[in-house]
């Protein structure tokens, strides 16, 4: 029995933009499919079930957009945190030694 070699990740690179967009599109289409099913079910059902399904059909677009837009946050730096900016004291000491 041949065993597959273990693959290690050497970076923290996120998924590609194309792959990320296709995943978002898939989540949105699934949500809209569920909304369509709620709408059709709301037409065919009766009583409390009808109003529950219609409520789901009305509310689902908001959640579908929020879920589809989740991910790939901008502004969040996922670096190692090793960079420490120089403090003012270091800069002042360097500038005063040249006088």
N, C-alpha and C. Protein backbone atom coordinates (compact mmCIF):
# COMPACT_ATOMS: atom_id res chain seq x y z
N UNK A 1 0.84 -1.17 0.00
CA UNK A 1 0.00 0.00 0.00
C UNK A 1 0.88 1.23 0.00
N UNK A 2 0.72 2.05 -1.03
CA UNK A 2 1.53 3.25 -1.17
C UNK A 2 0.89 4.40 -0.39
N UNK A 3 1.68 5.04 0.46
CA UNK A 3 1.18 6.13 1.27
C UNK A 3 1.56 7.46 0.63
N UNK A 4 0.58 8.38 0.57
CA UNK A 4 0.81 9.69 -0.01
C UNK A 4 1.73 10.51 0.90
N UNK A 5 2.67 11.26 0.31
CA UNK A 5 3.53 12.09 1.15
C UNK A 5 2.73 13.23 1.78
N UNK A 6 3.12 13.61 2.99
CA UNK A 6 2.45 14.69 3.69
C UNK A 6 2.92 16.03 3.10
N UNK A 7 1.98 16.92 2.83
CA UNK A 7 2.29 18.20 2.24
C UNK A 7 2.17 19.27 3.32
N UNK A 8 3.21 20.10 3.44
CA UNK A 8 3.22 21.16 4.43
C UNK A 8 3.04 22.51 3.74
N UNK A 9 2.32 23.39 4.38
CA UNK A 9 2.15 24.75 3.88
C UNK A 9 3.28 25.60 4.43
N UNK A 10 3.95 26.34 3.55
CA UNK A 10 5.05 27.17 4.01
C UNK A 10 4.69 28.64 4.05
N UNK A 11 3.43 28.96 3.80
CA UNK A 11 3.00 30.35 3.86
C UNK A 11 1.57 30.43 4.35
N UNK A 12 1.17 31.62 4.69
CA UNK A 12 -0.20 31.86 5.14
C UNK A 12 -1.00 32.58 4.05
N UNK A 13 -0.71 32.26 2.80
CA UNK A 13 -1.37 32.91 1.67
C UNK A 13 -2.84 32.49 1.63
N UNK A 14 -3.70 33.47 1.43
CA UNK A 14 -5.13 33.19 1.32
C UNK A 14 -5.43 32.52 -0.01
N UNK A 15 -6.67 32.07 -0.17
CA UNK A 15 -7.08 31.47 -1.43
C UNK A 15 -7.08 32.53 -2.52
N UNK A 16 -7.00 32.10 -3.75
CA UNK A 16 -6.97 33.02 -4.88
C UNK A 16 -8.28 33.76 -5.03
N UNK A 17 -8.23 34.90 -5.69
CA UNK A 17 -9.40 35.73 -5.86
C UNK A 17 -10.49 35.01 -6.66
N UNK A 18 -10.11 34.31 -7.71
CA UNK A 18 -11.09 33.58 -8.52
C UNK A 18 -11.78 32.50 -7.72
N UNK A 19 -11.01 31.77 -6.94
CA UNK A 19 -11.58 30.71 -6.10
C UNK A 19 -12.48 31.31 -5.02
N UNK A 20 -12.09 32.43 -4.44
CA UNK A 20 -12.89 33.10 -3.42
C UNK A 20 -14.22 33.59 -4.01
N UNK A 21 -14.16 34.19 -5.19
CA UNK A 21 -15.38 34.69 -5.82
C UNK A 21 -16.33 33.56 -6.20
N UNK A 22 -15.79 32.44 -6.68
CA UNK A 22 -16.66 31.33 -7.05
C UNK A 22 -17.33 30.74 -5.80
N UNK A 23 -16.63 30.72 -4.69
CA UNK A 23 -17.23 30.24 -3.44
C UNK A 23 -18.34 31.16 -2.96
N UNK A 24 -18.11 32.46 -3.07
CA UNK A 24 -19.15 33.42 -2.69
C UNK A 24 -20.37 33.29 -3.58
N UNK A 25 -20.12 33.14 -4.88
CA UNK A 25 -21.22 33.00 -5.83
C UNK A 25 -22.03 31.74 -5.53
N UNK A 26 -21.34 30.65 -5.22
CA UNK A 26 -22.03 29.40 -4.90
C UNK A 26 -22.90 29.56 -3.66
N UNK A 27 -22.38 30.21 -2.60
CA UNK A 27 -23.16 30.42 -1.37
C UNK A 27 -24.39 31.28 -1.66
N UNK A 28 -24.22 32.31 -2.48
CA UNK A 28 -25.34 33.19 -2.81
C UNK A 28 -26.41 32.44 -3.60
N UNK A 29 -25.99 31.65 -4.58
CA UNK A 29 -26.96 30.90 -5.40
C UNK A 29 -27.71 29.86 -4.57
N UNK A 30 -27.03 29.24 -3.62
CA UNK A 30 -27.71 28.28 -2.74
C UNK A 30 -28.76 29.01 -1.90
N UNK A 31 -28.40 30.17 -1.37
CA UNK A 31 -29.35 30.95 -0.56
C UNK A 31 -30.55 31.39 -1.40
N UNK A 32 -30.30 31.82 -2.63
CA UNK A 32 -31.40 32.25 -3.48
C UNK A 32 -32.27 31.06 -3.91
N UNK A 33 -31.67 29.90 -4.06
CA UNK A 33 -32.46 28.70 -4.35
C UNK A 33 -33.38 28.36 -3.18
N UNK A 34 -32.86 28.51 -1.97
CA UNK A 34 -33.67 28.28 -0.77
C UNK A 34 -34.79 29.31 -0.69
N UNK A 35 -34.50 30.55 -1.07
CA UNK A 35 -35.53 31.59 -1.07
C UNK A 35 -36.64 31.26 -2.06
N UNK A 36 -36.25 30.80 -3.24
CA UNK A 36 -37.24 30.42 -4.25
C UNK A 36 -38.12 29.28 -3.74
N UNK A 37 -37.50 28.31 -3.09
CA UNK A 37 -38.26 27.19 -2.53
C UNK A 37 -39.24 27.69 -1.45
N UNK A 38 -38.79 28.64 -0.62
CA UNK A 38 -39.69 29.21 0.39
C UNK A 38 -40.86 29.94 -0.26
N UNK A 39 -40.58 30.68 -1.31
CA UNK A 39 -41.63 31.43 -1.99
C UNK A 39 -42.67 30.49 -2.61
N UNK A 40 -42.20 29.47 -3.33
CA UNK A 40 -43.11 28.51 -3.96
C UNK A 40 -43.88 27.74 -2.89
N UNK A 41 -43.17 27.33 -1.82
CA UNK A 41 -43.85 26.63 -0.73
C UNK A 41 -44.87 27.51 -0.04
N UNK A 42 -44.56 28.83 0.07
CA UNK A 42 -45.51 29.75 0.69
C UNK A 42 -46.79 29.90 -0.12
N UNK A 43 -46.67 29.78 -1.42
CA UNK A 43 -47.86 29.87 -2.28
C UNK A 43 -48.72 28.61 -2.12
N UNK A 44 -48.07 27.46 -2.00
CA UNK A 44 -48.80 26.19 -1.97
C UNK A 44 -49.25 25.78 -0.57
N UNK A 45 -48.63 26.29 0.49
CA UNK A 45 -48.97 25.89 1.86
C UNK A 45 -50.14 26.71 2.38
N UNK A 46 -50.60 26.32 3.54
CA UNK A 46 -51.71 27.03 4.19
C UNK A 46 -51.38 27.26 5.65
N UNK A 47 -52.04 28.25 6.24
CA UNK A 47 -51.93 28.51 7.67
C UNK A 47 -50.60 29.14 8.06
N UNK A 48 -50.12 28.73 9.22
CA UNK A 48 -48.89 29.30 9.79
C UNK A 48 -47.68 28.96 8.93
N UNK A 49 -47.67 27.79 8.34
CA UNK A 49 -46.55 27.39 7.49
C UNK A 49 -46.40 28.34 6.31
N UNK A 50 -47.54 28.76 5.73
CA UNK A 50 -47.50 29.70 4.60
C UNK A 50 -46.80 30.99 5.00
N UNK A 51 -47.19 31.56 6.14
CA UNK A 51 -46.61 32.84 6.55
C UNK A 51 -45.15 32.69 6.99
N UNK A 52 -44.80 31.55 7.51
CA UNK A 52 -43.40 31.31 7.88
C UNK A 52 -42.53 31.22 6.63
N UNK A 53 -43.01 30.54 5.61
CA UNK A 53 -42.24 30.43 4.37
C UNK A 53 -42.15 31.77 3.64
N UNK A 54 -43.22 32.53 3.64
CA UNK A 54 -43.18 33.86 3.01
C UNK A 54 -42.22 34.77 3.77
N UNK A 55 -42.24 34.70 5.09
CA UNK A 55 -41.29 35.49 5.88
C UNK A 55 -39.85 35.09 5.54
N UNK A 56 -39.61 33.79 5.39
CA UNK A 56 -38.27 33.33 5.00
C UNK A 56 -37.88 33.85 3.62
N UNK A 57 -38.83 33.89 2.70
CA UNK A 57 -38.55 34.38 1.35
C UNK A 57 -38.25 35.87 1.34
N UNK A 58 -38.83 36.60 2.28
CA UNK A 58 -38.60 38.04 2.35
C UNK A 58 -37.27 38.35 3.04
N UNK A 59 -36.93 37.60 4.08
CA UNK A 59 -35.75 37.89 4.90
C UNK A 59 -34.48 37.28 4.32
N UNK A 60 -34.58 36.18 3.61
CA UNK A 60 -33.38 35.48 3.11
C UNK A 60 -32.45 36.31 2.23
N UNK A 61 -32.93 37.21 1.38
CA UNK A 61 -31.98 37.98 0.55
C UNK A 61 -30.96 38.77 1.38
N UNK A 62 -31.39 39.33 2.49
CA UNK A 62 -30.46 40.08 3.34
C UNK A 62 -29.35 39.16 3.83
N UNK A 63 -29.72 38.01 4.37
CA UNK A 63 -28.72 37.09 4.89
C UNK A 63 -27.86 36.50 3.77
N UNK A 64 -28.45 36.31 2.60
CA UNK A 64 -27.68 35.78 1.48
C UNK A 64 -26.57 36.75 1.08
N UNK A 65 -26.86 38.02 1.08
CA UNK A 65 -25.85 39.02 0.72
C UNK A 65 -24.78 39.11 1.81
N UNK A 66 -25.19 39.10 3.06
CA UNK A 66 -24.23 39.16 4.16
C UNK A 66 -23.31 37.95 4.14
N UNK A 67 -23.87 36.77 3.94
CA UNK A 67 -23.06 35.54 3.90
C UNK A 67 -22.15 35.53 2.68
N UNK A 68 -22.67 35.97 1.54
CA UNK A 68 -21.85 35.98 0.31
C UNK A 68 -20.70 36.97 0.42
N UNK A 69 -20.90 38.07 1.14
CA UNK A 69 -19.85 39.06 1.27
C UNK A 69 -18.88 38.76 2.41
N UNK A 70 -19.16 37.77 3.20
CA UNK A 70 -18.26 37.43 4.31
C UNK A 70 -16.96 36.84 3.75
N UNK A 71 -15.88 37.22 4.37
CA UNK A 71 -14.57 36.73 3.94
C UNK A 71 -13.75 37.82 3.31
N UNK A 72 -12.51 37.53 3.04
CA UNK A 72 -11.57 38.44 2.40
C UNK A 72 -11.71 39.87 2.93
N UNK A 73 -11.55 39.99 4.25
CA UNK A 73 -11.67 41.29 4.90
C UNK A 73 -10.50 42.18 4.52
N UNK A 74 -10.77 43.40 4.23
CA UNK A 74 -9.72 44.35 3.90
C UNK A 74 -9.30 45.10 5.16
N UNK A 75 -8.03 45.46 5.21
CA UNK A 75 -7.53 46.23 6.33
C UNK A 75 -6.95 45.39 7.45
N UNK A 76 -7.26 44.13 7.48
CA UNK A 76 -6.72 43.26 8.52
C UNK A 76 -5.41 42.68 8.01
N UNK A 77 -4.32 43.03 8.67
CA UNK A 77 -3.01 42.53 8.25
C UNK A 77 -2.75 41.24 8.98
N UNK A 78 -2.45 40.19 8.24
CA UNK A 78 -2.23 38.88 8.84
C UNK A 78 -0.76 38.53 8.85
N UNK A 79 0.08 39.52 9.08
CA UNK A 79 1.52 39.27 9.12
C UNK A 79 1.93 38.58 10.41
N UNK A 80 3.21 38.30 10.52
CA UNK A 80 3.70 37.56 11.69
C UNK A 80 3.73 38.41 12.93
N UNK A 81 3.72 39.72 12.82
CA UNK A 81 3.75 40.58 13.98
C UNK A 81 5.16 40.85 14.47
N UNK A 82 6.17 40.48 13.69
CA UNK A 82 7.56 40.67 14.11
C UNK A 82 8.02 42.11 13.96
N UNK A 83 7.38 42.89 13.12
CA UNK A 83 7.82 44.27 12.89
C UNK A 83 7.43 45.13 14.08
N UNK A 84 8.41 45.83 14.62
CA UNK A 84 8.17 46.76 15.72
C UNK A 84 8.62 48.13 15.23
N UNK A 85 7.71 49.09 15.11
CA UNK A 85 8.11 50.41 14.60
C UNK A 85 9.04 51.09 15.60
N UNK A 86 9.96 51.91 15.12
CA UNK A 86 10.87 52.60 16.03
C UNK A 86 10.11 53.60 16.89
N UNK A 87 10.49 53.69 18.13
CA UNK A 87 9.84 54.64 19.03
C UNK A 87 10.44 56.02 18.84
N UNK A 88 9.79 57.02 19.36
CA UNK A 88 10.28 58.39 19.25
C UNK A 88 11.61 58.56 19.98
N UNK A 89 11.80 57.82 21.07
CA UNK A 89 13.04 57.94 21.83
C UNK A 89 14.25 57.57 20.98
N UNK A 90 14.11 56.51 20.21
CA UNK A 90 15.23 56.06 19.37
C UNK A 90 15.53 57.11 18.31
N UNK A 91 14.49 57.67 17.70
CA UNK A 91 14.68 58.68 16.68
C UNK A 91 15.31 59.94 17.26
N UNK A 92 14.86 60.36 18.44
CA UNK A 92 15.40 61.55 19.07
C UNK A 92 16.86 61.35 19.46
N UNK A 93 17.19 60.19 19.98
CA UNK A 93 18.57 59.93 20.38
C UNK A 93 19.47 59.95 19.16
N UNK A 94 19.03 59.42 18.04
CA UNK A 94 19.83 59.42 16.82
C UNK A 94 20.04 60.81 16.27
N UNK A 95 19.00 61.63 16.36
CA UNK A 95 19.12 62.99 15.80
C UNK A 95 19.96 63.89 16.69
N UNK A 96 19.96 63.69 18.02
CA UNK A 96 20.74 64.54 18.91
C UNK A 96 22.22 64.20 18.90
N UNK A 97 22.57 62.98 18.49
CA UNK A 97 23.98 62.60 18.46
C UNK A 97 24.70 63.22 17.28
N UNK A 98 23.98 63.72 16.28
CA UNK A 98 24.64 64.34 15.12
C UNK A 98 25.00 65.80 15.38
N UNK A 99 24.50 66.40 16.45
CA UNK A 99 24.80 67.82 16.75
C UNK A 99 26.13 67.99 17.37
